[in-house]
C-alpha atoms as a PDB file:
ATOM      1  CA  MET A   1       0.068   0.002   0.054  1.00  0.00           C
ATOM      2  CA  LYS A   2       1.814   3.280  -1.236  1.00  0.00           C
ATOM      3  CA  SER A   3      -0.497   5.582   0.148  1.00  0.00           C
ATOM      4  CA  TRP A   4      -2.889   5.962   2.994  1.00  0.00           C
ATOM      5  CA  PRO A   5      -6.263   5.354   1.323  1.00  0.00           C
ATOM      6  CA  TYR A   6      -8.100   6.070   4.947  1.00  0.00           C
ATOM      7  CA  PRO A   7     -10.002   9.215   6.046  1.00  0.00           C
ATOM      8  CA  ARG A   8      -8.394  11.705   8.450  1.00  0.00           C
ATOM      9  CA  VAL A   9     -11.031  10.770  11.119  1.00  0.00           C
ATOM     10  CA  ALA A  10     -12.406   7.292  12.475  1.00  0.00           C
ATOM     11  CA  ALA A  11     -15.132   6.925  15.142  1.00  0.00           C
ATOM     12  CA  HIS A  12     -13.782   5.430  17.734  1.00  0.00           C
ATOM     13  CA  ARG A  13     -16.000   1.895  18.453  1.00  0.00           C
ATOM     14  CA  GLY A  14     -18.514   3.202  15.696  1.00  0.00           C
ATOM     15  CA  GLY A  15     -20.370   5.955  17.286  1.00  0.00           C
ATOM     16  CA  GLY A  16     -17.964   7.341  20.172  1.00  0.00           C
ATOM     17  CA  THR A  17     -19.828   8.756  23.140  1.00  0.00           C
ATOM     18  CA  LEU A  18     -23.047   9.252  21.219  1.00  0.00           C
ATOM     19  CA  ALA A  19     -24.177   5.476  20.776  1.00  0.00           C
ATOM     20  CA  PRO A  20     -23.277   2.198  22.765  1.00  0.00           C
ATOM     21  CA  GLU A  21     -20.184   1.137  21.552  1.00  0.00           C
ATOM     22  CA  ASN A  22     -19.337  -1.850  19.197  1.00  0.00           C
ATOM     23  CA  THR A  23     -23.173  -2.014  17.905  1.00  0.00           C
ATOM     24  CA  LEU A  24     -24.923  -1.655  15.018  1.00  0.00           C
ATOM     25  CA  ALA A  25     -26.485   1.647  16.202  1.00  0.00           C
ATOM     26  CA  ALA A  26     -22.899   2.918  16.651  1.00  0.00           C
ATOM     27  CA  LEU A  27     -22.451   2.268  13.271  1.00  0.00           C
ATOM     28  CA  ARG A  28     -25.581   4.218  12.100  1.00  0.00           C
ATOM     29  CA  ILE A  29     -24.765   7.281  14.511  1.00  0.00           C
ATOM     30  CA  GLY A  30     -21.301   7.326  13.019  1.00  0.00           C
ATOM     31  CA  ALA A  31     -22.238   7.447   9.365  1.00  0.00           C
ATOM     32  CA  SER A  32     -25.353   9.794  10.438  1.00  0.00           C
ATOM     33  CA  TYR A  33     -22.493  12.587  11.300  1.00  0.00           C
ATOM     34  CA  GLY A  34     -20.945  11.935   7.968  1.00  0.00           C
ATOM     35  CA  HIS A  35     -17.980   9.722   9.203  1.00  0.00           C
ATOM     36  CA  THR A  36     -16.719   7.552   6.500  1.00  0.00           C
ATOM     37  CA  MET A  37     -14.449   5.365   8.709  1.00  0.00           C
ATOM     38  CA  VAL A  38     -15.299   3.462  12.033  1.00  0.00           C
ATOM     39  CA  GLU A  39     -13.061   1.713  14.266  1.00  0.00           C
ATOM     40  CA  PHE A  40     -14.365  -1.397  16.267  1.00  0.00           C
ATOM     41  CA  ASP A  41     -13.046  -4.387  18.511  1.00  0.00           C
ATOM     42  CA  ALA A  42     -13.547  -8.016  17.443  1.00  0.00           C
ATOM     43  CA  LYS A  43     -13.302 -11.184  19.500  1.00  0.00           C
ATOM     44  CA  LEU A  44     -14.442 -14.617  19.619  1.00  0.00           C
ATOM     45  CA  SER A  45     -17.338 -16.513  21.544  1.00  0.00           C
ATOM     46  CA  THR A  46     -16.466 -19.908  23.010  1.00  0.00           C
ATOM     47  CA  ASP A  47     -18.079 -21.262  19.650  1.00  0.00           C
ATOM     48  CA  ASN A  48     -15.428 -19.138  17.965  1.00  0.00           C
ATOM     49  CA  ILE A  49     -18.099 -16.870  16.103  1.00  0.00           C
ATOM     50  CA  ALA A  50     -16.155 -13.349  15.447  1.00  0.00           C
ATOM     51  CA  PHE A  51     -18.375 -10.809  17.222  1.00  0.00           C
ATOM     52  CA  LEU A  52     -17.907  -7.330  18.600  1.00  0.00           C
ATOM     53  CA  LEU A  53     -17.132  -6.334  22.288  1.00  0.00           C
ATOM     54  CA  HIS A  54     -14.118  -4.548  23.875  1.00  0.00           C
ATOM     55  CA  ASP A  55     -13.993  -5.948  27.474  1.00  0.00           C
ATOM     56  CA  ASP A  56     -13.173  -9.483  28.341  1.00  0.00           C
ATOM     57  CA  THR A  57     -16.500  -9.479  30.292  1.00  0.00           C
ATOM     58  CA  VAL A  58     -19.738  -8.402  29.447  1.00  0.00           C
ATOM     59  CA  ASP A  59     -20.802  -6.904  32.404  1.00  0.00           C
ATOM     60  CA  ARG A  60     -19.938  -3.021  31.653  1.00  0.00           C
ATOM     61  CA  THR A  61     -21.716  -3.071  28.127  1.00  0.00           C
ATOM     62  CA  SER A  62     -24.895  -5.155  28.397  1.00  0.00           C
ATOM     63  CA  ASN A  63     -27.194  -6.430  31.105  1.00  0.00           C
ATOM     64  CA  GLY A  64     -25.020  -9.599  31.395  1.00  0.00           C
ATOM     65  CA  HIS A  65     -22.519 -10.920  33.674  1.00  0.00           C
ATOM     66  CA  GLY A  66     -19.239 -13.004  33.093  1.00  0.00           C
ATOM     67  CA  ALA A  67     -16.363 -13.848  30.699  1.00  0.00           C
ATOM     68  CA  ALA A  68     -17.193 -13.310  26.854  1.00  0.00           C
ATOM     69  CA  ALA A  69     -14.797 -16.367  26.220  1.00  0.00           C
ATOM     70  CA  CYS A  70     -17.156 -18.544  27.930  1.00  0.00           C
ATOM     71  CA  MET A  71     -20.249 -17.905  26.475  1.00  0.00           C
ATOM     72  CA  ARG A  72     -21.683 -19.327  23.300  1.00  0.00           C
ATOM     73  CA  TYR A  73     -22.853 -16.816  20.832  1.00  0.00           C
ATOM     74  CA  ALA A  74     -26.486 -17.198  21.172  1.00  0.00           C
ATOM     75  CA  GLU A  75     -25.892 -16.417  24.628  1.00  0.00           C
ATOM     76  CA  LEU A  76     -24.418 -13.276  24.168  1.00  0.00           C
ATOM     77  CA  ALA A  77     -26.739 -12.072  21.223  1.00  0.00           C
ATOM     78  CA  ALA A  78     -29.595 -12.411  23.975  1.00  0.00           C
ATOM     79  CA  LEU A  79     -27.932  -9.659  25.907  1.00  0.00           C
ATOM     80  CA  ASP A  80     -29.197  -6.324  25.841  1.00  0.00           C
ATOM     81  CA  ALA A  81     -26.453  -4.233  24.820  1.00  0.00           C
ATOM     82  CA  GLY A  82     -27.826  -0.873  24.369  1.00  0.00           C
ATOM     83  CA  SER A  83     -29.937   0.130  27.677  1.00  0.00           C
ATOM     84  CA  TRP A  84     -26.780   0.982  29.581  1.00  0.00           C
ATOM     85  CA  ARG A  85     -25.965   3.819  27.081  1.00  0.00           C
ATOM     86  CA  ASP A  86     -29.578   5.026  26.806  1.00  0.00           C
ATOM     87  CA  ALA A  87     -33.045   3.684  27.094  1.00  0.00           C
ATOM     88  CA  ARG A  88     -33.631   4.531  23.373  1.00  0.00           C
ATOM     89  CA  PHE A  89     -31.118   1.882  22.538  1.00  0.00           C
ATOM     90  CA  ALA A  90     -32.615  -0.552  24.519  1.00  0.00           C
ATOM     91  CA  GLY A  91     -32.285  -4.235  22.368  1.00  0.00           C
ATOM     92  CA  GLU A  92     -29.234  -3.511  20.724  1.00  0.00           C
ATOM     93  CA  ARG A  93     -26.729  -6.594  20.649  1.00  0.00           C
ATOM     94  CA  MET A  94     -23.517  -7.634  20.192  1.00  0.00           C
ATOM     95  CA  PRO A  95     -23.194  -8.147  16.429  1.00  0.00           C
ATOM     96  CA  THR A  96     -21.461 -10.345  14.760  1.00  0.00           C
ATOM     97  CA  LEU A  97     -18.581  -9.609  12.349  1.00  0.00           C
ATOM     98  CA  ALA A  98     -20.624 -10.666   9.512  1.00  0.00           C
ATOM     99  CA  GLU A  99     -23.523  -8.090  10.263  1.00  0.00           C
ATOM    100  CA  VAL A 100     -20.972  -5.489  10.791  1.00  0.00           C
ATOM    101  CA  ALA A 101     -19.614  -5.918   7.279  1.00  0.00           C
ATOM    102  CA  ALA A 102     -23.027  -5.772   5.795  1.00  0.00           C
ATOM    103  CA  SER A 103     -23.630  -2.481   7.661  1.00  0.00           C
ATOM    104  CA  CYS A 104     -20.233  -0.736   7.019  1.00  0.00           C
ATOM    105  CA  ARG A 105     -21.085  -1.865   3.072  1.00  0.00           C
ATOM    106  CA  GLU A 106     -24.768  -0.595   3.426  1.00  0.00           C
ATOM    107  CA  LEU A 107     -23.626   2.680   5.357  1.00  0.00           C
ATOM    108  CA  GLY A 108     -20.386   3.221   3.170  1.00  0.00           C
ATOM    109  CA  LEU A 109     -17.914   2.947   5.923  1.00  0.00           C
ATOM    110  CA  ALA A 110     -14.473   1.787   5.925  1.00  0.00           C
ATOM    111  CA  ALA A 111     -13.194  -0.385   8.769  1.00  0.00           C
ATOM    112  CA  ASN A 112     -10.440  -0.606  11.442  1.00  0.00           C
ATOM    113  CA  VAL A 113     -11.127  -3.654  12.735  1.00  0.00           C
ATOM    114  CA  GLU A 114      -9.279  -3.903  16.078  1.00  0.00           C
ATOM    115  CA  ILE A 115      -8.369  -7.610  16.810  1.00  0.00           C
ATOM    116  CA  LYS A 116      -9.190  -8.025  20.820  1.00  0.00           C
ATOM    117  CA  PRO A 117      -8.519 -11.240  22.187  1.00  0.00           C
ATOM    118  CA  CYS A 118      -9.746 -12.568  25.310  1.00  0.00           C
ATOM    119  CA  THR A 119      -6.739 -13.546  27.569  1.00  0.00           C
ATOM    120  CA  GLY A 120      -4.905 -16.808  25.858  1.00  0.00           C
ATOM    121  CA  ARG A 121      -7.005 -16.807  22.751  1.00  0.00           C
ATOM    122  CA  ASP A 122      -4.632 -14.327  21.147  1.00  0.00           C
ATOM    123  CA  VAL A 123      -3.425 -16.927  18.088  1.00  0.00           C
ATOM    124  CA  GLU A 124      -7.128 -18.244  17.333  1.00  0.00           C
ATOM    125  CA  THR A 125      -8.734 -14.747  17.647  1.00  0.00           C
ATOM    126  CA  GLY A 126      -6.221 -13.392  15.290  1.00  0.00           C
ATOM    127  CA  ARG A 127      -6.492 -16.187  12.757  1.00  0.00           C
ATOM    128  CA  ILE A 128     -10.113 -16.199  12.697  1.00  0.00           C
ATOM    129  CA  VAL A 129     -10.928 -12.829  12.854  1.00  0.00           C
ATOM    130  CA  ALA A 130      -8.583 -11.782  10.028  1.00  0.00           C
ATOM    131  CA  ALA A 131      -9.745 -14.926   7.630  1.00  0.00           C
ATOM    132  CA  GLU A 132     -13.521 -13.556   8.512  1.00  0.00           C
ATOM    133  CA  THR A 133     -12.516  -9.922   7.635  1.00  0.00           C
ATOM    134  CA  ALA A 134     -10.740 -11.234   4.686  1.00  0.00           C
ATOM    135  CA  ARG A 135     -13.860 -13.163   3.307  1.00  0.00           C
ATOM    136  CA  LEU A 136     -16.570 -10.648   4.244  1.00  0.00           C
ATOM    137  CA  TRP A 137     -14.996  -7.669   2.630  1.00  0.00           C
ATOM    138  CA  SER A 138     -13.688  -9.478  -0.567  1.00  0.00           C
ATOM    139  CA  GLY A 139     -14.895  -8.701  -3.904  1.00  0.00           C
ATOM    140  CA  GLU A 140     -17.878  -6.783  -3.968  1.00  0.00           C
ATOM    141  CA  ALA A 141     -17.988  -6.015  -0.370  1.00  0.00           C
ATOM    142  CA  GLU A 142     -14.508  -4.480  -0.369  1.00  0.00           C
ATOM    143  CA  GLY A 143     -16.557  -1.479  -2.236  1.00  0.00           C
ATOM    144  CA  ALA A 144     -17.129   0.395   1.259  1.00  0.00           C
ATOM    145  CA  GLN A 145     -14.746   3.818   0.532  1.00  0.00           C
ATOM    146  CA  GLY A 146     -12.903   1.618  -1.880  1.00  0.00           C
ATOM    147  CA  VAL A 147     -10.599   0.438   0.653  1.00  0.00           C
ATOM    148  CA  SER A 148      -9.628  -2.816   2.244  1.00  0.00           C
ATOM    149  CA  PRO A 149     -10.426  -2.933   6.335  1.00  0.00           C
ATOM    150  CA  LEU A 150      -7.351  -2.292   8.213  1.00  0.00           C
ATOM    151  CA  LEU A 151      -6.447  -5.024  10.919  1.00  0.00           C
ATOM    152  CA  SER A 152      -4.755  -3.671  14.241  1.00  0.00           C
ATOM    153  CA  SER A 153      -4.157  -5.384  17.544  1.00  0.00           C
ATOM    154  CA  PHE A 154      -2.247  -4.736  20.755  1.00  0.00           C
ATOM    155  CA  SER A 155      -1.294  -8.357  20.553  1.00  0.00           C
ATOM    156  CA  TYR A 156       1.669  -9.204  18.589  1.00  0.00           C
ATOM    157  CA  ALA A 157       0.642 -12.731  18.443  1.00  0.00           C
ATOM    158  CA  ALA A 158      -2.840 -12.101  17.396  1.00  0.00           C
ATOM    159  CA  LEU A 159      -1.461  -9.726  14.625  1.00  0.00           C
ATOM    160  CA  GLU A 160       1.135 -12.270  13.783  1.00  0.00           C
ATOM    161  CA  ALA A 161      -1.591 -14.925  13.325  1.00  0.00           C
ATOM    162  CA  ALA A 162      -3.775 -12.455  11.404  1.00  0.00           C
ATOM    163  CA  ARG A 163      -0.898 -11.795   8.823  1.00  0.00           C
ATOM    164  CA  ASP A 164      -0.664 -15.579   8.215  1.00  0.00           C
ATOM    165  CA  ALA A 165      -4.198 -15.813   7.757  1.00  0.00           C
ATOM    166  CA  ALA A 166      -4.931 -12.891   5.740  1.00  0.00           C
ATOM    167  CA  PRO A 167      -1.641 -11.457   3.986  1.00  0.00           C
ATOM    168  CA  ASP A 168      -3.100  -9.227   1.622  1.00  0.00           C
ATOM    169  CA  LEU A 169      -5.029  -6.997   4.393  1.00  0.00           C
ATOM    170  CA  PRO A 170      -3.164  -4.349   5.503  1.00  0.00           C
ATOM    171  CA  ARG A 171      -1.985  -4.410   9.360  1.00  0.00           C
ATOM    172  CA  GLY A 172      -1.233  -1.679  12.059  1.00  0.00           C
ATOM    173  CA  LEU A 173       0.426  -2.549  15.716  1.00  0.00           C
ATOM    174  CA  LEU A 174      -1.091  -0.884  18.363  1.00  0.00           C
ATOM    175  CA  PHE A 175       0.727   0.609  21.643  1.00  0.00           C
ATOM    176  CA  GLU A 176      -0.025   2.601  24.330  1.00  0.00           C
ATOM    177  CA  ARG A 177       3.384   3.683  24.563  1.00  0.00           C
ATOM    178  CA  VAL A 178       5.617   3.182  21.650  1.00  0.00           C
ATOM    179  CA  PRO A 179       8.528   1.017  22.549  1.00  0.00           C
ATOM    180  CA  THR A 180      11.983   1.201  21.453  1.00  0.00           C
ATOM    181  CA  ASP A 181      11.862  -1.737  19.070  1.00  0.00           C
ATOM    182  CA  TRP A 182       8.829  -0.519  17.167  1.00  0.00           C
ATOM    183  CA  ARG A 183      10.805  -0.751  14.059  1.00  0.00           C
ATOM    184  CA  GLU A 184      11.718  -4.418  14.458  1.00  0.00           C
ATOM    185  CA  GLN A 185       8.187  -5.248  15.620  1.00  0.00           C
ATOM    186  CA  THR A 186       6.310  -3.602  12.727  1.00  0.00           C
ATOM    187  CA  ALA A 187       8.897  -4.699  10.113  1.00  0.00           C
ATOM    188  CA  ALA A 188       8.315  -8.308  11.243  1.00  0.00           C
ATOM    189  CA  LEU A 189       4.497  -8.211  10.900  1.00  0.00           C
ATOM    190  CA  GLY A 190       4.947  -6.289   7.702  1.00  0.00           C
ATOM    191  CA  CYS A 191       2.672  -3.415   9.086  1.00  0.00           C
ATOM    192  CA  VAL A 192       1.838  -0.293   7.029  1.00  0.00           C
ATOM    193  CA  SER A 193       0.925   1.644  10.243  1.00  0.00           C
ATOM    194  CA  LEU A 194       1.820   2.254  13.674  1.00  0.00           C
ATOM    195  CA  HIS A 195      -1.297   3.058  15.839  1.00  0.00           C
ATOM    196  CA  ALA A 196      -0.547   4.966  19.238  1.00  0.00           C
ATOM    197  CA  SER A 197      -2.008   6.792  22.082  1.00  0.00           C
ATOM    198  CA  HIS A 198      -1.820  10.585  21.499  1.00  0.00           C
ATOM    199  CA  ARG A 199      -0.966  10.921  24.859  1.00  0.00           C
ATOM    200  CA  HIS A 200       2.780   9.839  24.799  1.00  0.00           C
ATOM    201  CA  LEU A 201       3.486  11.236  21.042  1.00  0.00           C
ATOM    202  CA  ASP A 202       5.387  14.278  20.261  1.00  0.00           C
ATOM    203  CA  GLU A 203       6.498  15.784  16.995  1.00  0.00           C
ATOM    204  CA  ALA A 204       9.970  14.074  17.120  1.00  0.00           C
ATOM    205  CA  LEU A 205       8.544  10.502  17.659  1.00  0.00           C
ATOM    206  CA  VAL A 206       5.955  11.049  15.012  1.00  0.00           C
ATOM    207  CA  GLY A 207       8.642  12.274  12.509  1.00  0.00           C
ATOM    208  CA  ARG A 208      10.742   9.209  13.313  1.00  0.00           C
ATOM    209  CA  ILE A 209       7.930   6.922  12.577  1.00  0.00           C
ATOM    210  CA  LYS A 210       6.780   8.517   9.417  1.00  0.00           C
ATOM    211  CA  ALA A 211      10.489   8.557   8.190  1.00  0.00           C
ATOM    212  CA  ALA A 212      10.591   4.813   8.614  1.00  0.00           C
ATOM    213  CA  GLY A 213       7.749   4.686   5.873  1.00  0.00           C
ATOM    214  CA  LEU A 214       4.786   3.684   8.463  1.00  0.00           C
ATOM    215  CA  PHE A 215       1.636   5.648   8.333  1.00  0.00           C
ATOM    216  CA  MET A 216       0.349   6.559  11.845  1.00  0.00           C
ATOM    217  CA  LEU A 217      -3.107   6.399  13.502  1.00  0.00           C
ATOM    218  CA  ALA A 218      -3.590   7.794  16.908  1.00  0.00           C
ATOM    219  CA  TYR A 219      -6.086   7.265  19.391  1.00  0.00           C
ATOM    220  CA  THR A 220      -8.505   8.646  21.328  1.00  0.00           C
ATOM    221  CA  VAL A 221      -8.044  12.047  20.419  1.00  0.00           C
ATOM    222  CA  ASN A 222     -11.082  14.188  21.474  1.00  0.00           C
ATOM    223  CA  GLY A 223     -10.003  17.654  21.312  1.00  0.00           C
ATOM    224  CA  LEU A 224     -10.088  19.508  17.860  1.00  0.00           C
ATOM    225  CA  GLU A 225      -6.859  21.494  18.571  1.00  0.00           C
ATOM    226  CA  ARG A 226      -4.907  18.342  19.614  1.00  0.00           C
ATOM    227  CA  ALA A 227      -6.525  16.717  16.595  1.00  0.00           C
ATOM    228  CA  ARG A 228      -5.049  19.204  14.127  1.00  0.00           C
ATOM    229  CA  GLU A 229      -1.498  19.466  15.908  1.00  0.00           C
ATOM    230  CA  LEU A 230      -1.150  15.853  15.275  1.00  0.00           C
ATOM    231  CA  VAL A 231      -2.080  16.277  11.734  1.00  0.00           C
ATOM    232  CA  ARG A 232       0.335  18.945  11.168  1.00  0.00           C
ATOM    233  CA  TRP A 233       3.141  16.623  12.894  1.00  0.00           C
ATOM    234  CA  GLY A 234       2.188  13.918  10.193  1.00  0.00           C
ATOM    235  CA  VAL A 235      -0.267  11.547  11.628  1.00  0.00           C
ATOM    236  CA  ASP A 236      -2.578  10.388   9.014  1.00  0.00           C
ATOM    237  CA  THR A 237      -5.666   9.262  10.983  1.00  0.00           C
ATOM    238  CA  VAL A 238      -7.303  10.394  14.540  1.00  0.00           C
ATOM    239  CA  CYS A 239      -9.853   7.995  16.293  1.00  0.00           C
ATOM    240  CA  THR A 240     -12.108   9.944  18.266  1.00  0.00           C
ATOM    241  CA  ASP A 241     -14.953   9.761  20.574  1.00  0.00           C
ATOM    242  CA  ARG A 242     -16.257  13.214  20.037  1.00  0.00           C
ATOM    243  CA  ILE A 243     -17.467  12.307  16.435  1.00  0.00           C
ATOM    244  CA  ASP A 244     -19.794  15.433  16.819  1.00  0.00           C
ATOM    245  CA  LEU A 245     -16.563  17.742  17.557  1.00  0.00           C
ATOM    246  CA  ILE A 246     -14.169  16.131  15.132  1.00  0.00           C
ATOM    247  CA  GLY A 247     -16.340  16.166  12.025  1.00  0.00           C
ATOM    248  CA  PRO A 248     -15.109  13.940   8.948  1.00  0.00           C
ATOM    249  CA  ARG A 249     -13.940  17.093   7.425  1.00  0.00           C
ATOM    250  CA  ALA A 250     -12.390  19.080  10.533  1.00  0.00           C
ATOM    251  CA  LEU A 251      -8.767  17.929   9.685  1.00  0.00           C
ATOM    252  CA  ASP A 252      -8.474  18.691   6.124  1.00  0.00           C
ATOM    253  CA  ALA A 253      -5.890  21.019   4.848  1.00  0.00           C
END
């Protein structure tokens, strides 16, 4: 990938703070504000269905309790994953990756699929999520914004498995704080991008990463002036919860 085909702004977990995260409602909210790229978290149920959830447990974002890795998808799908955010989202569920792919296609959304394995399931999650992503977005489905989905993960092992399962999909390695060996890690995984918390970035570090030939995504950027500063430094995309404040064209030159 010689150029960065993704927009300047990605809606964090679909709809930022305006919708229950990682739901189809979140994707619709993000699209309703004009955003053309969404980021979301994908993991596996115990019966190996790829679905959307950030945490290892379902407690924070649903009316259920317990570890997602111990639940079949039918159990997860029966939970209410919307009411915790607002009563008007009652009945929203944790969608499958297949449902999300269809929604992205319908809404014209490019996707950053963050592989978010439950503890101890890094390799199988990376392999299955990547293979499913490649299948679901292949051919006609790849047309959302005309770009391939971007895979990312904090887990080196998960992204390594994703590379082996879907070598043609672009990959970005995620860090909270960029380590000293970022060059070696991203090169070994064949990454096109490095994704990092904006809190630990400065202009010199961004410059070194860009000079190494990598694109950059910064998360989770909720201030407009900070977002503009990061773009001036060379950051290619910012991921934001404030999809209302940082609009899809807010960071254009």
